[in-house]
Amino acid sequence: MDKFAYWTVQVLKYPTYLFFQRRHMCHAMLLETVAAVPGMVGGMLLHFKSLRRFEQSGGWIKALLEEAENERMHLMTFVEIAKPQWYERALVFAVQGVFFNAYFLAYLASPKLAHRIVGYLEEEAVNSYSEFLKDLDNGSFENVPAPAIAIDYWRLPPNSTLRDVVFVIRADEAHHRDLNHYASDIQCQGQELRYTPAPIGYH
């Protein structure tokens, strides 16, 4: 299962890296469009499962919905900075529609596989933002002021820059990576998520 999840992500990764190369803003918007889907899908399905079975979720509904909201704020932040063109918005719309349906079916079929795939996706997101930070540090990308939406959401100092925003977003992605690998590990051991409390919190 792990190998299948890993190579699924690798197959998805290379076309996007070839297409975007060092265009970090466009790449980030596409990443965040995809990344905002799994938490919402997983949280929704666990929510309905909880209602059907009259049982608690162990905090996993909240954790996954928090993940989805956090990823949405990443996207809103990059939209404020990049001001995407209509064709970039169309790409986001198309990718989100395809990925939502694919992930929904994957989660119904095998939640542990779905969480593992997201864990590997988040690993790639961490790597991508690390490259973004390198380009900001060496001057290849302009370190513009942080938008107000980011300063408010992450409680950053008023004089924060894009580098500060990318740094905290990378930390969020690392948290999502660990959360989803943890969820998959629990289920690979034959246990239900509700018996193991979910780690919650970002800042």
Protein backbone atom coordinates (compact mmCIF):
# COMPACT_ATOMS: atom_id res chain seq x y z
CA MET A 1 0.00 0.00 0.00
CA ASP A 2 2.78 2.44 0.93
CA LYS A 3 4.56 1.92 -2.39
CA PHE A 4 1.33 2.42 -4.32
CA ALA A 5 0.61 5.67 -2.44
CA TYR A 6 4.19 6.89 -2.90
CA TRP A 7 4.33 6.21 -6.63
CA THR A 8 0.87 7.68 -7.16
CA VAL A 9 2.18 10.95 -5.77
CA GLN A 10 5.39 10.72 -7.80
CA VAL A 11 3.41 10.21 -11.01
CA LEU A 12 1.29 13.26 -10.19
CA LYS A 13 4.31 15.32 -9.15
CA TYR A 14 6.50 15.28 -12.24
CA PRO A 15 4.06 16.83 -14.75
CA THR A 16 3.37 19.72 -12.38
CA TYR A 17 7.07 20.33 -11.74
CA LEU A 18 7.77 20.29 -15.49
CA PHE A 19 4.87 22.65 -16.17
CA PHE A 20 5.50 25.20 -13.40
CA GLN A 21 9.29 24.85 -12.94
CA ARG A 22 10.27 27.90 -10.81
CA ARG A 23 6.90 29.69 -11.07
CA HIS A 24 6.30 29.24 -7.38
CA MET A 25 3.12 31.28 -7.06
CA CYS A 26 1.20 29.39 -9.73
CA HIS A 27 2.53 26.10 -8.40
CA ALA A 28 1.50 27.04 -4.85
CA MET A 29 -2.04 27.94 -5.92
CA LEU A 30 -2.47 24.58 -7.65
CA LEU A 31 -1.00 22.74 -4.66
CA GLU A 32 -3.32 24.48 -2.23
CA THR A 33 -6.37 23.88 -4.41
CA VAL A 34 -5.65 20.15 -4.25
CA ALA A 35 -4.53 20.18 -0.62
CA ALA A 36 -7.77 21.78 0.60
CA VAL A 37 -9.82 18.81 -0.65
CA PRO A 38 -8.72 15.79 1.49
CA GLY A 39 -9.46 17.31 4.89
CA MET A 40 -12.95 18.33 3.81
CA VAL A 41 -13.69 14.94 2.23
CA GLY A 42 -12.30 12.95 5.16
CA GLY A 43 -13.97 15.18 7.73
CA MET A 44 -17.31 14.99 5.92
CA LEU A 45 -17.24 11.19 5.61
CA LEU A 46 -16.21 10.76 9.25
CA HIS A 47 -18.96 13.20 10.25
CA PHE A 48 -21.63 11.12 8.53
CA LYS A 49 -20.11 7.92 9.92
CA SER A 50 -20.33 9.41 13.41
CA LEU A 51 -23.99 10.31 12.86
CA ARG A 52 -24.87 6.87 11.51
CA ARG A 53 -23.17 4.99 14.33
CA PHE A 54 -23.96 7.43 17.18
CA GLU A 55 -20.28 7.49 18.18
CA GLN A 56 -17.54 10.04 18.82
CA SER A 57 -14.72 10.61 16.33
CA GLY A 58 -11.83 11.10 18.74
CA GLY A 59 -11.37 14.65 17.46
CA TRP A 60 -10.60 13.52 13.90
CA ILE A 61 -13.54 15.35 12.33
CA LYS A 62 -12.32 18.61 13.83
CA ALA A 63 -8.69 17.89 12.91
CA LEU A 64 -9.48 17.15 9.26
CA LEU A 65 -11.83 20.11 8.85
CA GLU A 66 -9.19 22.34 10.45
CA GLU A 67 -6.73 21.01 7.89
CA ALA A 68 -9.11 21.90 5.05
CA GLU A 69 -9.65 25.41 6.42
CA ASN A 70 -5.93 25.92 6.93
CA GLU A 71 -5.22 24.90 3.33
CA ARG A 72 -7.98 27.22 2.11
CA MET A 73 -6.26 30.10 3.87
CA HIS A 74 -3.00 29.18 2.15
CA LEU A 75 -4.80 29.51 -1.19
CA MET A 76 -6.48 32.80 -0.24
CA THR A 77 -3.08 34.18 0.76
CA PHE A 78 -1.41 33.30 -2.54
CA VAL A 79 -4.38 34.62 -4.51
CA GLU A 80 -3.92 37.98 -2.75
CA ILE A 81 -0.28 38.10 -3.82
CA ALA A 82 -0.39 36.52 -7.28
CA LYS A 83 -3.68 37.92 -8.66
CA PRO A 84 -4.25 34.89 -10.94
CA GLN A 85 -5.44 35.29 -14.52
CA TRP A 86 -8.67 33.73 -15.78
CA TYR A 87 -6.91 30.70 -17.30
CA GLU A 88 -5.13 30.00 -14.01
CA ARG A 89 -8.46 30.14 -12.21
CA ALA A 90 -9.91 27.77 -14.82
CA LEU A 91 -7.04 25.34 -14.21
CA VAL A 92 -7.68 25.49 -10.47
CA PHE A 93 -11.39 24.83 -11.04
CA ALA A 94 -10.72 21.82 -13.28
CA VAL A 95 -8.06 20.26 -11.07
CA GLN A 96 -10.18 20.64 -7.96
CA GLY A 97 -13.18 18.99 -9.61
CA VAL A 98 -11.18 15.98 -10.78
CA PHE A 99 -9.28 15.57 -7.52
CA PHE A 100 -12.38 15.88 -5.32
CA ASN A 101 -14.13 12.99 -7.05
CA ALA A 102 -10.99 10.83 -7.18
CA TYR A 103 -10.21 11.39 -3.50
CA PHE A 104 -13.81 10.86 -2.44
CA LEU A 105 -13.83 7.43 -4.10
CA ALA A 106 -10.38 6.61 -2.71
CA TYR A 107 -11.48 7.45 0.84
CA LEU A 108 -14.60 5.32 0.51
CA ALA A 109 -12.52 2.40 -0.77
CA SER A 110 -9.59 2.68 1.66
CA PRO A 111 -9.22 5.50 4.21
CA LYS A 112 -5.74 4.31 5.19
CA LEU A 113 -4.58 4.52 1.57
CA ALA A 114 -6.20 7.94 1.15
CA HIS A 115 -4.43 9.30 4.24
CA ARG A 116 -1.12 7.82 3.10
CA ILE A 117 -1.42 9.49 -0.28
CA VAL A 118 -2.08 12.82 1.43
CA GLY A 119 0.90 12.26 3.71
CA TYR A 120 3.14 11.89 0.66
CA LEU A 121 1.47 14.85 -1.08
CA GLU A 122 2.24 16.99 1.95
CA GLU A 123 5.85 15.80 1.92
CA GLU A 124 6.09 17.13 -1.63
CA ALA A 125 4.47 20.38 -0.52
CA VAL A 126 7.13 20.79 2.19
CA ASN A 127 9.85 20.21 -0.41
CA SER A 128 8.23 22.66 -2.81
CA TYR A 129 8.04 25.41 -0.19
CA SER A 130 11.65 24.73 0.80
CA GLU A 131 12.63 25.45 -2.82
CA PHE A 132 10.46 28.58 -2.72
CA LEU A 133 12.34 29.77 0.38
CA LYS A 134 15.70 29.16 -1.33
CA ASP A 135 14.66 31.30 -4.29
CA LEU A 136 13.46 34.05 -1.96
CA ASP A 137 16.75 33.94 -0.06
CA ASN A 138 18.94 34.11 -3.16
CA GLY A 139 16.91 36.90 -4.75
CA SER A 140 15.42 34.87 -7.60
CA PHE A 141 11.94 35.81 -6.37
CA GLU A 142 10.92 39.19 -4.97
CA ASN A 143 10.29 39.14 -1.22
CA VAL A 144 7.19 41.33 -1.23
CA PRO A 145 5.31 42.44 1.92
CA ALA A 146 2.96 39.88 3.43
CA PRO A 147 -0.72 40.49 2.65
CA ALA A 148 -3.01 41.56 5.48
CA ILE A 149 -4.95 38.28 5.33
CA ALA A 150 -1.77 36.35 6.18
CA ILE A 151 -0.73 38.73 8.96
CA ASP A 152 -4.16 38.40 10.57
CA TYR A 153 -4.45 34.62 10.19
CA TRP A 154 -0.97 33.67 11.40
CA ARG A 155 -0.66 36.61 13.82
CA LEU A 156 2.52 37.78 12.12
CA PRO A 157 4.30 41.07 12.87
CA PRO A 158 3.02 44.00 10.73
CA ASN A 159 6.30 44.23 8.80
CA SER A 160 6.30 40.56 7.76
CA THR A 161 7.25 39.55 4.23
CA LEU A 162 6.42 36.79 1.77
CA ARG A 163 9.31 34.76 3.18
CA ASP A 164 7.69 34.79 6.63
CA VAL A 165 4.42 33.62 5.10
CA VAL A 166 6.03 30.79 3.13
CA PHE A 167 7.90 29.72 6.27
CA VAL A 168 4.71 29.33 8.35
CA ILE A 169 2.87 27.68 5.46
CA ARG A 170 5.66 25.12 5.19
CA ALA A 171 5.25 24.42 8.92
CA ASP A 172 1.50 23.90 8.38
CA GLU A 173 2.22 21.44 5.58
CA ALA A 174 4.61 19.51 7.82
CA HIS A 175 1.81 19.24 10.39
CA HIS A 176 -0.60 17.95 7.73
CA ARG A 177 2.02 15.45 6.58
CA ASP A 178 2.46 14.07 10.08
CA LEU A 179 -1.28 14.03 10.79
CA ASN A 180 -2.12 12.02 7.68
CA HIS A 181 0.73 9.55 8.03
CA TYR A 182 -0.35 9.08 11.66
CA ALA A 183 -3.97 8.46 10.59
CA SER A 184 -2.82 5.90 8.05
CA ASP A 185 -0.52 4.19 10.57
CA ILE A 186 -3.40 3.81 13.04
CA GLN A 187 -5.63 2.18 10.46
CA CYS A 188 -2.82 -0.02 9.12
CA GLN A 189 -2.63 -1.48 12.63
CA GLY A 190 -6.29 -2.48 12.36
CA GLN A 191 -7.54 0.23 14.72
CA GLU A 192 -10.25 2.84 14.23
CA LEU A 193 -9.29 6.51 14.33
CA ARG A 194 -11.85 7.29 17.04
CA TYR A 195 -9.89 5.30 19.62
CA THR A 196 -6.75 7.43 19.14
CA PRO A 197 -7.13 11.18 19.82
CA ALA A 198 -6.22 13.40 16.89
CA PRO A 199 -3.39 15.92 17.24
CA ILE A 200 -4.91 19.37 16.72
CA GLY A 201 -3.34 22.80 16.35
CA TYR A 202 -1.09 24.79 14.04
CA HIS A 203 0.21 27.95 15.64
